[in-house]
Amino acid sequence: MVPEGWCEVRVRDLKGANGRPVTKLGPFGSALKKSDYTEAGYKVYGQQQVLAGDQNFGDYWIGQNKFDQLKACSVQEGDILLSTMGSFGSVLRLSEGCAKGIINPRLLRLSVDPMIAAPEFLEVYLKSTLAERQFFGFAQGGTMPAINGASIGGLKLTLPPVAEQRKIADILSTWDRAIEVAEAQLGAARTSKRALMQQLLAGKRRFPEFEGEEWKEVRLGDLGSFKKGKGLPKTEVGPMGQFPCILYGELYTTYGEVIEATVSHTDLDDGVISEAGDVLIPASTTTTGIDLAIASCVVKSGIRLGGDINIFRRAGNSINGAFLAYYLTHIRRHDMARFAQGITIVHLKGSDLLNIKIDIPPMEEQEKIVAVLLETEGQIIGLQSQITKLRTEKKALMQQLLTGKRRVMV
């Protein structure tokens, strides 16, 4: 259903801006070679700018003669660039101040009369699921799927009047700005947490009540011992089950320094059962030793621990498990990585880590450090949740605005 006052058109039926064709593919590969690039001159726009969403990214240039030869592929403000190969369908709108230049063979330039289709609205539409589904329908090829100019010409658009287009784009840009602000806050929170973590865990920043108390150096082996987890087949593990469990791969992909709840469960009564405060370190990887050098503390007992996990079990109340996980991961990571062995598969034995020296404060200070770091992590999780919510709400609003289910007043 086309809303009243809107029109349904295909890209090829639109009018180009300034007398240019609506769609223009980049030059053939043989027309633009590496030998044509210069240190300065006219910018060559490619997928790197489109995928980064930054028109100023990249540093490929051509001289005057090559630009004159390929002038038909030149760009200007308001043009929309689409990637046509691999990550096809990615979109970048060139804004005011864009460098003069051309597109490369992996891009298509879309140039539409702004009195028919506002560039900012077209950008929003082409990034929506309405266009995404069409892009995937156009894609050809297997290993390196691509879309061609004829396909883009057949792309179907539903256009409201230009004034309404601009209003829709303006509303959605407000959401984009809110997301950008939240993302900046998230980046700042992460940076602050890293700095705070390094200061607290190294004793460079102390709480006033502990200023006079000394940290002591001990061997890891003086605080407890290692044991290995027991294999849990992946076929027996899922989101539901009688027993919570942890697989070694989840230590890389899912958990941080403190594990308060598990994502996996099993009905198989197998695996080593955790005790509260156990510290888990992966025992193998197919990448590098530094990837193994991470630690996570299990807060709860009764969790089944799968194979290829080094389990450090404390001797009594010798150290706070969460503090140890933070300390090993951020202060002694490279010390742990030195013990990794292997080429195709890299292994790390818990027994090799027992002589690692660690500096520990009094138990009360350990607990306060952990509490501060967990509170900081909670703020980060809250910002991540806020960003996810904003993106979800924007996507739903975009679907309503672009289909005319929700109209705007102009």
Protein backbone atom coordinates (compact mmCIF):
# COMPACT_ATOMS: atom_id res chain seq x y z
CA MET A 1 0.00 0.00 0.00
CA VAL A 2 1.42 3.37 -1.04
CA PRO A 3 0.41 6.15 1.40
CA GLU A 4 -1.59 9.06 0.07
CA GLY A 5 0.65 11.69 -1.49
CA TRP A 6 3.59 9.26 -1.83
CA CYS A 7 4.86 7.68 -5.03
CA GLU A 8 6.52 4.35 -5.80
CA VAL A 9 9.40 4.58 -8.27
CA ARG A 10 12.48 2.70 -9.33
CA VAL A 11 15.91 4.29 -9.15
CA ARG A 12 16.37 4.28 -12.92
CA ASP A 13 13.21 6.38 -13.35
CA LEU A 14 14.52 9.23 -11.19
CA LYS A 15 16.20 12.36 -12.50
CA GLY A 16 19.94 12.78 -11.96
CA ALA A 17 21.39 15.80 -10.16
CA ASN A 18 22.92 18.53 -12.33
CA GLY A 19 22.30 16.60 -15.54
CA ARG A 20 24.37 13.59 -14.44
CA PRO A 21 23.16 9.98 -14.74
CA VAL A 22 21.31 8.65 -11.68
CA THR A 23 23.68 5.68 -11.33
CA LYS A 24 27.31 5.44 -12.31
CA LEU A 25 29.64 2.51 -11.66
CA GLY A 26 33.29 3.08 -10.92
CA PRO A 27 35.81 2.68 -13.77
CA PHE A 28 36.88 -0.72 -15.05
CA GLY A 29 39.78 -2.16 -13.09
CA SER A 30 42.20 -1.70 -15.98
CA ALA A 31 41.37 2.02 -16.11
CA LEU A 32 42.65 2.63 -12.57
CA LYS A 33 45.88 0.85 -11.59
CA LYS A 34 48.17 1.13 -8.58
CA SER A 35 50.71 2.92 -10.73
CA ASP A 36 48.17 5.75 -11.19
CA TYR A 37 48.13 6.64 -7.49
CA THR A 38 49.94 9.76 -6.28
CA GLU A 39 50.76 11.25 -2.88
CA ALA A 40 48.22 14.04 -3.30
CA GLY A 41 45.68 15.41 -5.75
CA TYR A 42 42.15 14.06 -6.24
CA LYS A 43 40.76 11.55 -3.73
CA VAL A 44 39.88 8.01 -4.76
CA TYR A 45 36.81 6.87 -2.83
CA GLY A 46 36.48 3.14 -2.20
CA GLN A 47 34.93 0.61 0.14
CA GLN A 48 37.18 1.69 2.99
CA GLN A 49 35.39 5.04 3.26
CA VAL A 50 31.94 3.48 2.88
CA LEU A 51 32.50 0.71 5.44
CA ALA A 52 34.09 3.16 7.89
CA GLY A 53 31.23 5.63 7.36
CA ASP A 54 33.84 8.37 7.02
CA GLN A 55 34.37 10.36 3.81
CA ASN A 56 37.74 11.62 5.11
CA PHE A 57 39.15 8.13 5.72
CA GLY A 58 41.86 6.70 3.47
CA ASP A 59 44.72 8.20 1.51
CA TYR A 60 44.52 7.13 -2.15
CA TRP A 61 44.92 9.94 -4.65
CA ILE A 62 45.32 10.51 -8.39
CA GLY A 63 46.75 13.38 -10.41
CA GLN A 64 45.08 15.85 -12.76
CA ASN A 65 45.53 13.81 -15.96
CA LYS A 66 43.97 10.63 -14.54
CA PHE A 67 41.14 12.65 -12.96
CA ASP A 68 40.36 14.24 -16.33
CA GLN A 69 40.25 10.75 -17.94
CA LEU A 70 37.85 9.42 -15.29
CA LYS A 71 35.84 12.59 -14.68
CA ALA A 72 32.59 10.73 -15.44
CA CYS A 73 33.17 8.86 -12.16
CA SER A 74 33.69 12.05 -10.12
CA VAL A 75 31.71 12.83 -6.97
CA GLN A 76 30.18 15.87 -5.34
CA GLU A 77 28.30 16.80 -2.19
CA GLY A 78 25.00 14.91 -1.85
CA ASP A 79 26.16 11.89 -3.86
CA ILE A 80 25.51 8.51 -2.28
CA LEU A 81 28.18 5.84 -2.61
CA LEU A 82 27.20 2.15 -2.54
CA SER A 83 29.60 -0.75 -2.26
CA THR A 84 28.94 -3.33 -4.96
CA MET A 85 31.19 -6.27 -4.02
CA GLY A 86 31.71 -8.34 -0.87
CA SER A 87 30.07 -6.09 1.72
CA PHE A 88 27.61 -4.97 -0.93
CA GLY A 89 24.84 -2.52 -0.13
CA SER A 90 26.86 -0.47 2.39
CA VAL A 91 26.06 3.22 2.01
CA LEU A 92 27.83 6.55 2.51
CA ARG A 93 26.40 9.99 1.73
CA LEU A 94 28.98 12.63 0.88
CA SER A 95 28.41 15.76 2.92
CA GLU A 96 29.62 19.35 2.69
CA GLY A 97 33.38 19.65 2.44
CA CYS A 98 33.97 16.26 0.81
CA ALA A 99 37.24 16.09 -1.10
CA LYS A 100 37.01 16.33 -4.86
CA GLY A 101 37.69 12.97 -6.47
CA ILE A 102 36.36 9.82 -8.13
CA ILE A 103 34.95 6.44 -7.10
CA ASN A 104 36.93 3.24 -7.59
CA PRO A 105 35.72 0.07 -9.42
CA ARG A 106 34.02 -1.38 -6.31
CA LEU A 107 31.58 1.48 -5.83
CA LEU A 108 28.47 2.83 -7.48
CA ARG A 109 27.60 6.51 -7.36
CA LEU A 110 23.95 7.44 -6.89
CA SER A 111 23.14 11.04 -7.81
CA VAL A 112 19.51 12.16 -7.67
CA ASP A 113 17.88 15.55 -8.18
CA PRO A 114 17.35 16.80 -4.57
CA MET A 115 13.98 18.28 -5.54
CA ILE A 116 12.75 14.72 -6.13
CA ALA A 117 14.64 12.76 -3.49
CA ALA A 118 16.53 14.44 -0.64
CA PRO A 119 20.01 12.85 -0.29
CA GLU A 120 19.63 12.52 3.49
CA PHE A 121 16.35 10.62 3.01
CA LEU A 122 17.84 8.37 0.33
CA GLU A 123 20.68 7.50 2.69
CA VAL A 124 18.21 6.49 5.40
CA TYR A 125 16.10 4.48 2.95
CA LEU A 126 19.09 2.62 1.49
CA LYS A 127 20.26 1.67 5.00
CA SER A 128 16.84 0.29 5.93
CA THR A 129 15.60 -3.30 5.74
CA LEU A 130 13.33 -2.20 2.86
CA ALA A 131 16.41 -1.74 0.66
CA GLU A 132 18.53 -4.42 2.33
CA ARG A 133 16.12 -7.17 1.29
CA GLN A 134 16.28 -5.94 -2.32
CA PHE A 135 20.09 -5.83 -2.25
CA PHE A 136 20.26 -9.47 -1.20
CA GLY A 137 17.82 -10.37 -3.95
CA PHE A 138 20.09 -8.67 -6.50
CA ALA A 139 23.33 -10.29 -5.28
CA GLN A 140 25.16 -12.58 -7.69
CA GLY A 141 28.16 -14.83 -7.19
CA GLY A 142 29.29 -17.13 -4.40
CA THR A 143 32.66 -16.40 -2.77
CA MET A 144 32.51 -12.69 -3.59
CA PRO A 145 28.83 -11.77 -4.08
CA ALA A 146 28.19 -8.55 -5.99
CA ILE A 147 25.41 -6.32 -7.27
CA ASN A 148 25.51 -4.52 -10.62
CA GLY A 149 24.33 -1.15 -11.87
CA ALA A 150 21.27 -2.57 -13.62
CA SER A 151 20.13 -4.14 -10.36
CA ILE A 152 20.46 -0.86 -8.49
CA GLY A 153 18.50 0.82 -11.29
CA GLY A 154 15.67 -1.58 -10.54
CA LEU A 155 15.67 -0.80 -6.80
CA LYS A 156 12.17 0.18 -5.73
CA LEU A 157 11.66 3.30 -3.59
CA THR A 158 8.56 4.69 -1.92
CA LEU A 159 8.98 8.45 -1.75
CA PRO A 160 6.92 10.97 0.22
CA PRO A 161 7.00 14.65 -0.77
CA VAL A 162 10.49 16.15 -0.40
CA ALA A 163 9.56 18.25 2.64
CA GLU A 164 8.32 15.12 4.40
CA GLN A 165 11.47 13.25 3.32
CA ARG A 166 13.64 15.87 4.99
CA LYS A 167 11.53 15.81 8.15
CA ILE A 168 11.80 12.01 8.38
CA ALA A 169 15.57 12.16 7.90
CA ASP A 170 15.85 14.91 10.53
CA ILE A 171 13.87 12.88 13.08
CA LEU A 172 16.03 9.80 12.55
CA SER A 173 19.24 11.85 12.69
CA THR A 174 18.17 12.94 16.19
CA TRP A 175 18.23 9.28 17.19
CA ASP A 176 21.63 8.89 15.54
CA ARG A 177 22.98 11.75 17.62
CA ALA A 178 21.60 10.21 20.80
CA ILE A 179 23.30 6.92 19.91
CA GLU A 180 26.57 8.73 19.17
CA VAL A 181 26.45 10.48 22.56
CA ALA A 182 25.81 7.18 24.35
CA GLU A 183 28.64 5.51 22.41
CA ALA A 184 31.01 8.34 23.37
CA GLN A 185 29.99 7.92 27.02
CA LEU A 186 30.61 4.18 26.71
CA GLY A 187 34.08 4.74 25.24
CA ALA A 188 34.93 7.18 28.03
CA ALA A 189 33.66 4.76 30.69
CA ARG A 190 35.79 1.94 29.29
CA THR A 191 38.88 4.15 29.19
CA SER A 192 38.23 5.30 32.75
CA LYS A 193 37.77 1.72 33.92
CA ARG A 194 41.06 0.58 32.35
CA ALA A 195 42.96 3.43 34.01
CA LEU A 196 41.27 2.87 37.37
CA MET A 197 41.91 -0.87 37.17
CA GLN A 198 45.63 -0.41 36.52
CA GLN A 199 45.96 2.03 39.43
CA LEU A 200 43.99 0.00 41.97
CA LEU A 201 45.43 -3.41 41.08
CA ALA A 202 49.02 -2.12 41.14
CA GLY A 203 48.58 -0.30 44.45
CA LYS A 204 49.24 3.10 42.85
CA ARG A 205 45.90 4.37 44.08
CA ARG A 206 44.82 3.49 47.62
CA PHE A 207 41.67 3.99 49.63
CA PRO A 208 42.27 6.35 52.58
CA GLU A 209 41.41 3.72 55.20
CA PHE A 210 44.14 1.38 53.90
CA GLU A 211 46.92 3.93 53.34
CA GLY A 212 49.17 2.59 56.11
CA GLU A 213 48.82 -1.11 55.32
CA GLU A 214 51.47 -2.90 53.25
CA TRP A 215 50.89 -5.22 50.31
CA LYS A 216 52.77 -8.51 50.41
CA GLU A 217 54.37 -10.53 47.65
CA VAL A 218 53.43 -14.23 47.48
CA ARG A 219 53.67 -17.17 45.09
CA LEU A 220 50.41 -18.14 43.43
CA GLY A 221 51.12 -21.69 44.62
CA ASP A 222 51.10 -20.49 48.25
CA LEU A 223 47.46 -19.45 47.87
CA GLY A 224 45.99 -22.64 46.38
CA SER A 225 46.38 -25.29 43.70
CA PHE A 226 45.28 -26.11 40.15
CA LYS A 227 43.07 -28.87 38.81
CA LYS A 228 41.64 -29.51 35.34
CA GLY A 229 38.04 -29.39 34.22
CA LYS A 230 36.36 -32.44 32.73
CA GLY A 231 35.04 -32.64 29.18
CA LEU A 232 31.42 -31.70 28.52
CA PRO A 233 30.41 -32.55 24.92
CA LYS A 234 28.94 -29.54 23.10
CA THR A 235 26.06 -31.77 22.02
CA GLU A 236 25.06 -32.03 25.68
CA VAL A 237 25.17 -28.29 26.34
CA GLY A 238 22.54 -25.66 25.57
CA PRO A 239 20.58 -22.74 27.04
CA MET A 240 18.36 -25.11 29.05
CA GLY A 241 19.24 -27.94 31.38
CA GLN A 242 19.38 -29.11 34.97
CA PHE A 243 22.94 -28.00 35.74
CA PRO A 244 24.64 -24.68 34.93
CA CYS A 245 27.96 -25.21 33.17
CA ILE A 246 30.91 -23.40 31.59
CA LEU A 247 32.83 -24.43 28.47
CA TYR A 248 36.40 -23.25 28.00
CA GLY A 249 35.58 -21.35 24.79
CA GLU A 250 33.09 -19.20 26.70
CA LEU A 251 35.95 -17.80 28.76
CA TYR A 252 37.09 -16.02 25.56
CA THR A 253 33.74 -15.10 24.05
CA THR A 254 31.21 -14.64 26.83
CA TYR A 255 32.59 -13.95 30.28
CA GLY A 256 34.69 -11.24 31.87
CA GLU A 257 36.69 -11.35 35.07
CA VAL A 258 33.66 -12.21 37.23
CA ILE A 259 31.07 -14.87 36.35
CA GLU A 260 27.85 -14.34 38.29
CA ALA A 261 25.53 -16.34 36.02
CA THR A 262 26.11 -18.84 33.22
CA VAL A 263 24.63 -18.86 29.74
CA SER A 264 24.94 -22.63 29.29
CA HIS A 265 23.31 -25.61 31.00
CA THR A 266 23.42 -29.37 30.71
CA ASP A 267 21.47 -32.39 31.88
CA LEU A 268 24.71 -34.37 31.98
CA ASP A 269 25.86 -34.76 35.58
CA ASP A 270 29.51 -34.54 34.62
CA GLY A 271 32.40 -32.09 34.76
CA VAL A 272 34.25 -30.76 37.77
CA ILE A 273 31.89 -28.94 40.13
CA SER A 274 32.91 -25.40 41.03
CA GLU A 275 33.39 -23.96 44.47
CA ALA A 276 32.59 -20.29 45.06
CA GLY A 277 35.68 -18.22 44.30
CA ASP A 278 37.32 -20.65 41.84
CA VAL A 279 39.44 -18.88 39.23
CA LEU A 280 39.28 -20.27 35.69
CA ILE A 281 42.05 -19.95 33.08
CA PRO A 282 41.73 -21.46 29.57
CA ALA A 283 44.08 -24.40 28.94
CA SER A 284 44.26 -24.31 25.12
CA THR A 285 43.70 -22.14 22.07
CA THR A 286 44.39 -22.18 18.35
CA THR A 287 45.61 -18.57 18.32
CA THR A 288 48.33 -17.14 20.61
CA GLY A 289 49.53 -17.52 24.18
CA ILE A 290 48.35 -14.07 25.16
CA ASP A 291 44.78 -15.18 24.43
CA LEU A 292 45.11 -17.89 27.07
CA ALA A 293 46.31 -15.44 29.68
CA ILE A 294 42.90 -14.41 31.01
CA ALA A 295 41.19 -15.33 34.25
CA SER A 296 37.57 -15.44 35.42
CA CYS A 297 36.24 -15.96 38.92
CA VAL A 298 33.17 -18.15 39.42
CA VAL A 299 31.05 -16.52 42.12
CA LYS A 300 28.80 -19.54 42.74
CA SER A 301 29.43 -23.16 43.63
CA GLY A 302 27.75 -26.11 41.89
CA ILE A 303 28.63 -25.13 38.31
CA ARG A 304 29.92 -27.90 35.99
CA LEU A 305 33.29 -26.94 34.53
CA GLY A 306 34.20 -28.45 31.16
CA GLY A 307 37.49 -29.70 29.82
CA ASP A 308 40.46 -27.53 28.80
CA ILE A 309 39.94 -25.28 31.83
CA ASN A 310 42.63 -24.71 34.45
CA ILE A 311 40.82 -24.35 37.77
CA PHE A 312 42.65 -22.53 40.56
CA ARG A 313 41.11 -23.48 43.88
CA ARG A 314 42.03 -21.31 46.83
CA ALA A 315 43.33 -22.74 50.08
CA GLY A 316 40.74 -21.48 52.53
CA ASN A 317 40.23 -17.72 52.42
CA SER A 318 43.75 -16.94 51.20
CA ILE A 319 42.68 -14.41 48.55
CA ASN A 320 39.53 -12.95 47.04
CA GLY A 321 38.88 -14.93 43.85
CA ALA A 322 37.54 -11.96 41.90
CA PHE A 323 40.56 -9.84 42.89
CA LEU A 324 42.87 -12.62 41.70
CA ALA A 325 41.04 -12.86 38.34
CA TYR A 326 41.36 -9.11 37.80
CA TYR A 327 45.02 -9.14 38.91
CA LEU A 328 46.12 -12.03 36.72
CA THR A 329 44.31 -10.69 33.66
CA HIS A 330 45.51 -7.10 33.89
CA ILE A 331 48.79 -7.16 35.86
CA ARG A 332 50.29 -10.61 35.22
CA ARG A 333 48.89 -11.42 31.79
CA HIS A 334 52.25 -11.40 30.01
CA ASP A 335 53.82 -13.44 32.82
CA MET A 336 51.17 -16.13 32.29
CA ALA A 337 51.54 -16.01 28.50
CA ARG A 338 55.26 -16.89 28.79
CA PHE A 339 54.31 -20.41 29.88
CA ALA A 340 52.11 -21.11 26.83
CA GLN A 341 53.52 -23.87 24.60
CA GLY A 342 52.66 -25.22 21.17
CA ILE A 343 52.28 -24.07 17.58
CA THR A 344 49.07 -25.32 15.95
CA ILE A 345 47.37 -25.67 19.33
CA VAL A 346 48.76 -23.62 22.19
CA HIS A 347 48.51 -25.11 25.69
CA LEU A 348 48.83 -23.59 29.15
CA LYS A 349 49.34 -25.81 32.20
CA GLY A 350 48.14 -24.65 35.58
CA SER A 351 51.13 -26.27 37.28
CA ASP A 352 53.45 -23.93 35.35
CA LEU A 353 51.75 -20.89 36.83
CA LEU A 354 52.28 -21.76 40.49
CA ASN A 355 55.55 -19.78 40.76
CA ILE A 356 54.09 -16.54 39.44
CA LYS A 357 54.59 -13.79 42.03
CA ILE A 358 51.66 -11.58 42.91
CA ASP A 359 51.28 -8.58 45.23
CA ILE A 360 48.18 -8.65 47.37
CA PRO A 361 46.68 -6.09 49.77
CA PRO A 362 44.71 -7.00 52.94
CA MET A 363 41.47 -8.91 52.30
CA GLU A 364 39.29 -5.88 53.11
CA GLU A 365 41.09 -3.81 50.50
CA GLN A 366 40.81 -6.62 47.94
CA GLU A 367 37.06 -6.71 48.49
CA LYS A 368 36.72 -2.94 48.14
CA ILE A 369 38.75 -2.93 44.91
CA VAL A 370 36.49 -5.65 43.49
CA ALA A 371 33.35 -3.74 44.56
CA VAL A 372 34.55 -0.56 42.81
CA LEU A 373 35.46 -2.41 39.60
CA LEU A 374 32.14 -4.25 39.54
CA GLU A 375 30.26 -0.98 40.02
CA THR A 376 32.20 0.53 37.12
CA GLU A 377 31.44 -2.53 34.99
CA GLY A 378 27.77 -2.16 35.90
CA GLN A 379 27.79 1.38 34.53
CA ILE A 380 29.33 0.09 31.29
CA ILE A 381 26.69 -2.63 30.99
CA GLY A 382 24.01 -0.01 31.58
CA LEU A 383 25.36 2.14 28.73
CA GLN A 384 25.56 -0.89 26.44
CA SER A 385 21.94 -1.68 27.24
CA GLN A 386 20.95 1.93 26.57
CA ILE A 387 22.65 1.86 23.15
CA THR A 388 20.95 -1.42 22.24
CA LYS A 389 17.58 0.01 23.28
CA LEU A 390 18.13 3.20 21.26
CA ARG A 391 19.08 1.21 18.16
CA THR A 392 16.07 -1.06 18.52
CA GLU A 393 13.69 1.87 18.96
CA LYS A 394 15.23 3.74 16.02
CA LYS A 395 14.88 0.68 13.79
CA ALA A 396 11.20 0.30 14.70
CA LEU A 397 10.54 4.00 14.17
CA MET A 398 12.39 3.95 10.84
CA GLN A 399 10.20 1.09 9.61
CA GLN A 400 7.05 3.03 10.49
CA LEU A 401 8.25 6.32 8.98
CA LEU A 402 9.57 4.83 5.73
CA THR A 403 6.36 2.89 5.08
CA GLY A 404 4.04 5.78 5.98
CA LYS A 405 2.48 3.89 8.88
CA ARG A 406 3.44 6.87 10.98
CA ARG A 407 3.22 10.27 9.27
CA VAL A 408 5.00 13.46 10.25
CA MET A 409 3.75 17.01 10.24
CA VAL A 410 5.67 19.34 7.94
